[in-house]
Protein backbone atom coordinates (compact mmCIF):
# COMPACT_ATOMS: atom_id res chain seq x y z
CA MET A 1 -110.95 -154.46 -44.21
CA ARG A 2 -110.33 -153.83 -40.56
CA LEU A 3 -107.40 -155.57 -38.85
CA LEU A 4 -106.79 -156.84 -35.33
CA LEU A 5 -103.14 -157.70 -34.76
CA ASP A 6 -102.44 -160.36 -32.17
CA ALA A 7 -100.42 -159.24 -29.13
CA MET A 8 -97.30 -160.94 -30.51
CA TYR A 9 -96.82 -158.04 -32.97
CA ALA A 10 -95.40 -154.65 -32.13
CA PRO A 11 -98.14 -152.00 -31.77
CA ASP A 12 -96.02 -149.90 -34.16
CA ILE A 13 -97.32 -152.06 -37.01
CA ALA A 14 -100.95 -151.09 -36.37
CA GLU A 15 -99.88 -147.47 -35.92
CA GLY A 16 -98.00 -147.53 -39.23
CA LEU A 17 -101.04 -148.96 -41.00
CA ARG A 18 -103.25 -146.26 -39.51
CA THR A 19 -100.92 -143.58 -40.87
CA ARG A 20 -101.56 -145.12 -44.29
CA GLY A 21 -105.30 -144.78 -43.81
CA HIS A 22 -106.18 -148.29 -42.64
CA ASP A 23 -108.29 -149.34 -39.67
CA ALA A 24 -105.86 -151.45 -37.65
CA VAL A 25 -105.63 -152.09 -33.93
CA SER A 26 -103.11 -153.97 -31.87
CA ALA A 27 -104.26 -156.34 -29.13
CA ASP A 28 -101.11 -155.36 -27.26
CA ALA A 29 -102.19 -151.70 -27.19
CA ARG A 30 -105.72 -152.41 -25.94
CA PRO A 31 -106.04 -153.13 -22.21
CA ASP A 32 -109.09 -155.34 -22.81
CA LEU A 33 -107.13 -157.55 -25.22
CA LYS A 34 -103.52 -157.39 -24.05
CA SER A 35 -103.65 -160.66 -22.08
CA ALA A 36 -106.84 -162.09 -23.57
CA PRO A 37 -106.85 -165.80 -24.41
CA ASP A 38 -106.98 -166.69 -28.10
CA GLY A 39 -110.64 -167.67 -27.95
CA VAL A 40 -111.58 -164.26 -26.57
CA LEU A 41 -109.46 -162.53 -29.21
CA PHE A 42 -111.23 -164.54 -31.90
CA GLU A 43 -114.66 -163.62 -30.51
CA ILE A 44 -113.73 -159.93 -30.30
CA ALA A 45 -112.56 -160.02 -33.92
CA LEU A 46 -115.91 -161.54 -34.92
CA ALA A 47 -117.86 -158.97 -32.92
CA GLU A 48 -115.85 -156.04 -34.29
CA ARG A 49 -115.79 -157.44 -37.85
CA ARG A 50 -111.99 -157.51 -37.96
CA VAL A 51 -109.53 -159.75 -39.78
CA ILE A 52 -107.09 -161.27 -37.29
CA VAL A 53 -103.37 -161.17 -38.01
CA THR A 54 -101.51 -163.84 -36.05
CA ASN A 55 -98.49 -166.09 -36.03
CA ASN A 56 -100.34 -168.61 -33.89
CA VAL A 57 -101.61 -171.06 -36.49
CA ARG A 58 -102.00 -173.93 -34.05
CA ASP A 59 -104.45 -172.08 -31.78
CA PHE A 60 -106.44 -170.24 -34.47
CA ILE A 61 -106.72 -172.57 -37.48
CA GLU A 62 -109.47 -174.77 -36.04
CA SER A 63 -111.63 -171.77 -35.06
CA ALA A 64 -111.07 -170.19 -38.47
CA GLN A 65 -111.99 -173.37 -40.35
CA PHE A 66 -115.08 -173.88 -38.22
CA ALA A 67 -116.17 -170.25 -38.75
CA LEU A 68 -115.74 -170.66 -42.52
CA GLN A 69 -117.82 -173.85 -42.58
CA ASP A 70 -120.44 -172.43 -40.25
CA ALA A 71 -121.00 -169.41 -42.53
CA SER A 72 -120.80 -167.14 -39.52
CA ALA A 73 -119.78 -163.51 -39.77
CA PHE A 74 -116.09 -164.34 -40.05
CA ASP A 75 -114.02 -161.70 -41.82
CA GLY A 76 -110.88 -163.75 -42.06
CA ILE A 77 -107.47 -164.44 -40.68
CA VAL A 78 -103.97 -163.66 -41.91
CA PHE A 79 -101.25 -166.00 -40.73
CA THR A 80 -97.55 -165.21 -40.66
CA SER A 81 -94.55 -167.44 -40.16
CA ASP A 82 -91.31 -166.67 -38.37
CA LYS A 83 -89.51 -168.68 -41.05
CA SER A 84 -90.55 -166.45 -43.95
CA LEU A 85 -91.16 -163.21 -42.03
CA PRO A 86 -89.54 -163.14 -38.58
CA ARG A 87 -91.16 -160.95 -35.94
CA SER A 88 -88.42 -158.50 -35.05
CA LYS A 89 -87.96 -154.74 -34.75
CA ARG A 90 -86.10 -154.61 -38.03
CA ASN A 91 -89.08 -156.18 -39.83
CA ILE A 92 -91.75 -153.77 -38.56
CA GLY A 93 -91.54 -151.80 -41.81
CA THR A 94 -91.80 -155.00 -43.83
CA PHE A 95 -94.94 -156.05 -41.93
CA ILE A 96 -96.46 -152.62 -42.53
CA ASP A 97 -95.65 -152.74 -46.24
CA ARG A 98 -96.97 -156.27 -46.75
CA LEU A 99 -100.17 -155.72 -44.79
CA ASP A 100 -100.67 -152.42 -46.62
CA ASP A 101 -100.29 -154.29 -49.94
CA LEU A 102 -102.83 -156.91 -48.80
CA LEU A 103 -105.33 -154.24 -47.80
CA LYS A 104 -104.83 -152.38 -51.08
CA ARG A 105 -105.56 -155.60 -53.02
CA TYR A 106 -109.04 -155.67 -51.53
CA PRO A 107 -109.93 -151.98 -51.13
CA ASN A 108 -113.69 -152.46 -51.11
CA GLU A 109 -113.85 -155.72 -49.18
CA GLU A 110 -114.86 -156.06 -45.56
CA HIS A 111 -113.40 -159.56 -45.35
CA LEU A 112 -110.76 -161.71 -46.98
CA PRO A 113 -112.35 -163.34 -50.03
CA ALA A 114 -110.77 -166.74 -49.26
CA GLY A 115 -111.14 -166.36 -45.48
CA ILE A 116 -107.60 -167.50 -44.71
CA SER A 117 -104.43 -165.95 -46.09
CA TRP A 118 -100.70 -166.16 -45.50
CA LEU A 119 -98.46 -163.12 -45.35
CA VAL A 120 -95.13 -164.12 -46.87
């Protein structure tokens, strides 16, 4: 599985995942995605066959559900919540560990089997 982390996450998370052998990029570290609207980010994820990691449920859930129903080449989306896993510098390691665990659960998958997942 290849990940695209929304710009709301520290680029250190993608870097930490890459050191563990995963294909992960941060929208914040890519000039073409740093300020991209959510719709563009979603389309880039589809084109690059990446699973999106985002905290922005409100703006992504409808696109994700439509992509799942449409049987398009949607690899999935991982949502996080600031209530269960706050985005802060002290949680960067926790994000890396939990995403690493998720990726290890599906080592031979290109997409999330259920399409939508929550990182808790």
